[in-house]
């Protein structure tokens, strides 16, 4: 949801309309959404991850072409590129790239810290963003006071 400062009373009605539109957009997405599964190869077997459970995906700092998928219950390591995985998730409106090496699920963003340029996620992790990618995320529907 959004935060509306009371000191900006002249913008109040416009901000309330924006909030209502954001709620309606999210409601429509949830109403139409069926559990979408992302098939990935992990440890020699194919597993299916519920996209709503994915918090974020990052490239491994130690191994090339290895990705770490952080979910609400576990962390999975898979081989591939972020570009390939982003293509698999392109139809899902909740996933956005926030830097060259990280894709986040906006359903799991708790807060945005503009001083440290990080997203605080539902699992307690902080992930960095770049201004270039933040514009795309905010234009796509994530509404926080930053």
C-alpha atoms as a PDB file:
ATOM      1  CA  UNK A   1       0.000   0.000   0.000  1.00  0.00           C
ATOM      2  CA  UNK A   2       1.028   3.626  -0.107  1.00  0.00           C
ATOM      3  CA  UNK A   3       1.743   6.247   2.528  1.00  0.00           C
ATOM      4  CA  UNK A   4       0.011   9.614   2.202  1.00  0.00           C
ATOM      5  CA  UNK A   5       1.490  12.411   4.328  1.00  0.00           C
ATOM      6  CA  UNK A   6      -1.211  14.602   5.868  1.00  0.00           C
ATOM      7  CA  UNK A   7       0.826  17.730   5.301  1.00  0.00           C
ATOM      8  CA  UNK A   8       0.134  17.464   1.560  1.00  0.00           C
ATOM      9  CA  UNK A   9      -3.626  17.969   1.730  1.00  0.00           C
ATOM     10  CA  UNK A  10      -3.803  19.532  -1.740  1.00  0.00           C
ATOM     11  CA  UNK A  11      -2.602  16.229  -3.253  1.00  0.00           C
ATOM     12  CA  UNK A  12      -4.812  14.073  -1.039  1.00  0.00           C
ATOM     13  CA  UNK A  13      -7.598  13.245  -3.501  1.00  0.00           C
ATOM     14  CA  UNK A  14      -5.158  12.411  -6.307  1.00  0.00           C
ATOM     15  CA  UNK A  15      -3.101  10.197  -3.980  1.00  0.00           C
ATOM     16  CA  UNK A  16      -6.222   8.398  -2.734  1.00  0.00           C
ATOM     17  CA  UNK A  17      -7.233   7.733  -6.354  1.00  0.00           C
ATOM     18  CA  UNK A  18      -3.747   6.348  -7.066  1.00  0.00           C
ATOM     19  CA  UNK A  19      -4.022   4.060  -4.042  1.00  0.00           C
ATOM     20  CA  UNK A  20      -7.445   2.804  -5.110  1.00  0.00           C
ATOM     21  CA  UNK A  21      -6.165   2.150  -8.639  1.00  0.00           C
ATOM     22  CA  UNK A  22      -3.171   0.235  -7.253  1.00  0.00           C
ATOM     23  CA  UNK A  23      -5.445  -1.856  -5.025  1.00  0.00           C
ATOM     24  CA  UNK A  24      -7.773  -2.591  -7.953  1.00  0.00           C
ATOM     25  CA  UNK A  25      -4.846  -3.576 -10.170  1.00  0.00           C
ATOM     26  CA  UNK A  26      -3.442  -5.913  -7.517  1.00  0.00           C
ATOM     27  CA  UNK A  27      -6.903  -7.348  -6.839  1.00  0.00           C
ATOM     28  CA  UNK A  28      -7.435  -8.117 -10.532  1.00  0.00           C
ATOM     29  CA  UNK A  29      -4.052  -9.822 -10.714  1.00  0.00           C
ATOM     30  CA  UNK A  30      -4.823 -11.931  -7.643  1.00  0.00           C
ATOM     31  CA  UNK A  31      -8.356 -12.728  -8.818  1.00  0.00           C
ATOM     32  CA  UNK A  32      -7.129 -14.074 -12.151  1.00  0.00           C
ATOM     33  CA  UNK A  33      -4.017 -15.688 -10.755  1.00  0.00           C
ATOM     34  CA  UNK A  34      -3.790 -19.409 -10.491  1.00  0.00           C
ATOM     35  CA  UNK A  35      -0.710 -20.824  -8.865  1.00  0.00           C
ATOM     36  CA  UNK A  36       1.928 -20.400 -11.527  1.00  0.00           C
ATOM     37  CA  UNK A  37       4.762 -22.883 -11.355  1.00  0.00           C
ATOM     38  CA  UNK A  38       8.286 -22.313 -12.575  1.00  0.00           C
ATOM     39  CA  UNK A  39      10.011 -25.525 -13.717  1.00  0.00           C
ATOM     40  CA  UNK A  40      13.755 -25.592 -12.970  1.00  0.00           C
ATOM     41  CA  UNK A  41      16.470 -28.258 -12.970  1.00  0.00           C
ATOM     42  CA  UNK A  42      17.991 -28.552  -9.532  1.00  0.00           C
ATOM     43  CA  UNK A  43      20.495 -31.215  -8.558  1.00  0.00           C
ATOM     44  CA  UNK A  44      19.753 -33.453 -11.545  1.00  0.00           C
ATOM     45  CA  UNK A  45      15.986 -33.376 -11.120  1.00  0.00           C
ATOM     46  CA  UNK A  46      13.218 -31.087 -12.320  1.00  0.00           C
ATOM     47  CA  UNK A  47      11.379 -29.250  -9.575  1.00  0.00           C
ATOM     48  CA  UNK A  48       8.444 -26.861  -9.781  1.00  0.00           C
ATOM     49  CA  UNK A  49       8.533 -23.668  -7.743  1.00  0.00           C
ATOM     50  CA  UNK A  50       5.384 -21.682  -7.003  1.00  0.00           C
ATOM     51  CA  UNK A  51       6.211 -18.210  -8.318  1.00  0.00           C
ATOM     52  CA  UNK A  52       4.404 -16.581  -5.381  1.00  0.00           C
ATOM     53  CA  UNK A  53       6.894 -18.283  -3.044  1.00  0.00           C
ATOM     54  CA  UNK A  54       9.946 -16.921  -4.890  1.00  0.00           C
ATOM     55  CA  UNK A  55      11.316 -13.917  -2.995  1.00  0.00           C
ATOM     56  CA  UNK A  56      14.274 -13.127  -5.238  1.00  0.00           C
ATOM     57  CA  UNK A  57      16.780 -14.642  -7.648  1.00  0.00           C
ATOM     58  CA  UNK A  58      20.447 -13.713  -7.774  1.00  0.00           C
ATOM     59  CA  UNK A  59      23.519 -14.746  -9.674  1.00  0.00           C
ATOM     60  CA  UNK A  60      26.085 -16.692  -7.699  1.00  0.00           C
ATOM     61  CA  UNK A  61      29.101 -14.680  -6.672  1.00  0.00           C
ATOM     62  CA  UNK A  62      31.349 -17.771  -6.761  1.00  0.00           C
ATOM     63  CA  UNK A  63      30.295 -19.710  -9.870  1.00  0.00           C
ATOM     64  CA  UNK A  64      29.411 -18.452 -13.321  1.00  0.00           C
ATOM     65  CA  UNK A  65      26.062 -19.481 -14.816  1.00  0.00           C
ATOM     66  CA  UNK A  66      24.762 -20.455 -11.388  1.00  0.00           C
ATOM     67  CA  UNK A  67      21.662 -18.837  -9.913  1.00  0.00           C
ATOM     68  CA  UNK A  68      20.330 -18.851  -6.370  1.00  0.00           C
ATOM     69  CA  UNK A  69      16.553 -18.855  -6.053  1.00  0.00           C
ATOM     70  CA  UNK A  70      15.441 -17.663  -2.610  1.00  0.00           C
ATOM     71  CA  UNK A  71      11.933 -18.831  -1.683  1.00  0.00           C
ATOM     72  CA  UNK A  72       9.845 -18.583   1.454  1.00  0.00           C
ATOM     73  CA  UNK A  73      10.979 -22.057   2.526  1.00  0.00           C
ATOM     74  CA  UNK A  74      14.376 -22.774   0.945  1.00  0.00           C
ATOM     75  CA  UNK A  75      17.214 -21.708  -1.321  1.00  0.00           C
ATOM     76  CA  UNK A  76      17.748 -23.555  -4.608  1.00  0.00           C
ATOM     77  CA  UNK A  77      20.885 -23.483  -6.773  1.00  0.00           C
ATOM     78  CA  UNK A  78      20.406 -23.961 -10.484  1.00  0.00           C
ATOM     79  CA  UNK A  79      22.536 -23.555 -13.589  1.00  0.00           C
ATOM     80  CA  UNK A  80      21.495 -20.994 -16.160  1.00  0.00           C
ATOM     81  CA  UNK A  81      21.576 -17.283 -16.763  1.00  0.00           C
ATOM     82  CA  UNK A  82      19.498 -14.528 -15.253  1.00  0.00           C
ATOM     83  CA  UNK A  83      18.462 -13.534 -18.765  1.00  0.00           C
ATOM     84  CA  UNK A  84      17.018 -17.017 -19.438  1.00  0.00           C
ATOM     85  CA  UNK A  85      15.155 -17.075 -16.134  1.00  0.00           C
ATOM     86  CA  UNK A  86      13.869 -13.534 -16.693  1.00  0.00           C
ATOM     87  CA  UNK A  87      12.445 -14.685 -20.026  1.00  0.00           C
ATOM     88  CA  UNK A  88      10.646 -17.553 -18.251  1.00  0.00           C
ATOM     89  CA  UNK A  89       9.147 -15.070 -15.780  1.00  0.00           C
ATOM     90  CA  UNK A  90       8.368 -12.323 -18.303  1.00  0.00           C
ATOM     91  CA  UNK A  91       4.623 -13.033 -18.286  1.00  0.00           C
ATOM     92  CA  UNK A  92       4.427 -12.666 -14.520  1.00  0.00           C
ATOM     93  CA  UNK A  93       3.887  -8.983 -13.581  1.00  0.00           C
ATOM     94  CA  UNK A  94       5.396  -9.431 -10.103  1.00  0.00           C
ATOM     95  CA  UNK A  95       9.000 -10.004 -11.170  1.00  0.00           C
ATOM     96  CA  UNK A  96      11.344  -7.128 -11.874  1.00  0.00           C
ATOM     97  CA  UNK A  97      15.052  -6.824 -12.338  1.00  0.00           C
ATOM     98  CA  UNK A  98      16.464  -4.475  -9.701  1.00  0.00           C
ATOM     99  CA  UNK A  99      20.128  -4.733 -10.704  1.00  0.00           C
ATOM    100  CA  UNK A 100      22.289  -6.558 -13.214  1.00  0.00           C
ATOM    101  CA  UNK A 101      22.432  -9.610 -10.968  1.00  0.00           C
ATOM    102  CA  UNK A 102      19.084  -9.709  -9.112  1.00  0.00           C
ATOM    103  CA  UNK A 103      15.402 -10.232  -9.939  1.00  0.00           C
ATOM    104  CA  UNK A 104      12.880  -9.534  -7.173  1.00  0.00           C
ATOM    105  CA  UNK A 105       9.271 -10.536  -6.622  1.00  0.00           C
ATOM    106  CA  UNK A 106       7.524  -7.290  -5.658  1.00  0.00           C
ATOM    107  CA  UNK A 107       5.027  -9.258  -3.578  1.00  0.00           C
ATOM    108  CA  UNK A 108       7.851  -9.776  -1.081  1.00  0.00           C
ATOM    109  CA  UNK A 109       9.150  -6.192  -0.892  1.00  0.00           C
ATOM    110  CA  UNK A 110       8.558  -4.748   2.580  1.00  0.00           C
ATOM    111  CA  UNK A 111      10.347  -1.443   2.216  1.00  0.00           C
ATOM    112  CA  UNK A 112      12.648   0.611   0.023  1.00  0.00           C
ATOM    113  CA  UNK A 113      15.592   2.404   1.618  1.00  0.00           C
ATOM    114  CA  UNK A 114      16.697   5.281  -0.606  1.00  0.00           C
ATOM    115  CA  UNK A 115      19.755   6.042   1.545  1.00  0.00           C
ATOM    116  CA  UNK A 116      21.285   2.589   1.136  1.00  0.00           C
ATOM    117  CA  UNK A 117      19.534   1.919  -2.208  1.00  0.00           C
ATOM    118  CA  UNK A 118      18.183  -1.425  -1.020  1.00  0.00           C
ATOM    119  CA  UNK A 119      14.921  -3.324  -0.949  1.00  0.00           C
ATOM    120  CA  UNK A 120      14.005  -4.925   2.360  1.00  0.00           C
ATOM    121  CA  UNK A 121      12.377  -8.270   1.595  1.00  0.00           C
ATOM    122  CA  UNK A 122       9.907 -10.439   3.515  1.00  0.00           C
ATOM    123  CA  UNK A 123      12.619 -12.929   4.542  1.00  0.00           C
ATOM    124  CA  UNK A 124      14.699 -10.154   6.157  1.00  0.00           C
ATOM    125  CA  UNK A 125      17.256  -9.902   3.343  1.00  0.00           C
ATOM    126  CA  UNK A 126      18.304  -6.586   1.852  1.00  0.00           C
ATOM    127  CA  UNK A 127      19.072  -6.485  -1.862  1.00  0.00           C
ATOM    128  CA  UNK A 128      20.584  -3.530  -3.728  1.00  0.00           C
ATOM    129  CA  UNK A 129      18.931  -1.721  -6.600  1.00  0.00           C
ATOM    130  CA  UNK A 130      20.155   0.716  -9.196  1.00  0.00           C
ATOM    131  CA  UNK A 131      18.273   3.876 -10.125  1.00  0.00           C
ATOM    132  CA  UNK A 132      17.922   2.676 -13.716  1.00  0.00           C
ATOM    133  CA  UNK A 133      16.002  -0.443 -12.675  1.00  0.00           C
ATOM    134  CA  UNK A 134      14.038   1.278  -9.886  1.00  0.00           C
ATOM    135  CA  UNK A 135      12.278   3.506 -12.424  1.00  0.00           C
ATOM    136  CA  UNK A 136      10.954   0.418 -14.244  1.00  0.00           C
ATOM    137  CA  UNK A 137       9.738  -1.111 -10.994  1.00  0.00           C
ATOM    138  CA  UNK A 138       7.948   2.032  -9.816  1.00  0.00           C
ATOM    139  CA  UNK A 139       6.365   2.523 -13.238  1.00  0.00           C
ATOM    140  CA  UNK A 140       5.224  -1.092 -13.138  1.00  0.00           C
ATOM    141  CA  UNK A 141       3.171  -0.767 -10.008  1.00  0.00           C
ATOM    142  CA  UNK A 142       5.248  -0.846  -6.840  1.00  0.00           C
ATOM    143  CA  UNK A 143       4.176   2.156  -4.765  1.00  0.00           C
ATOM    144  CA  UNK A 144       6.205   3.159  -1.728  1.00  0.00           C
ATOM    145  CA  UNK A 145       7.239   6.521  -0.372  1.00  0.00           C
ATOM    146  CA  UNK A 146      10.946   6.809  -1.094  1.00  0.00           C
END
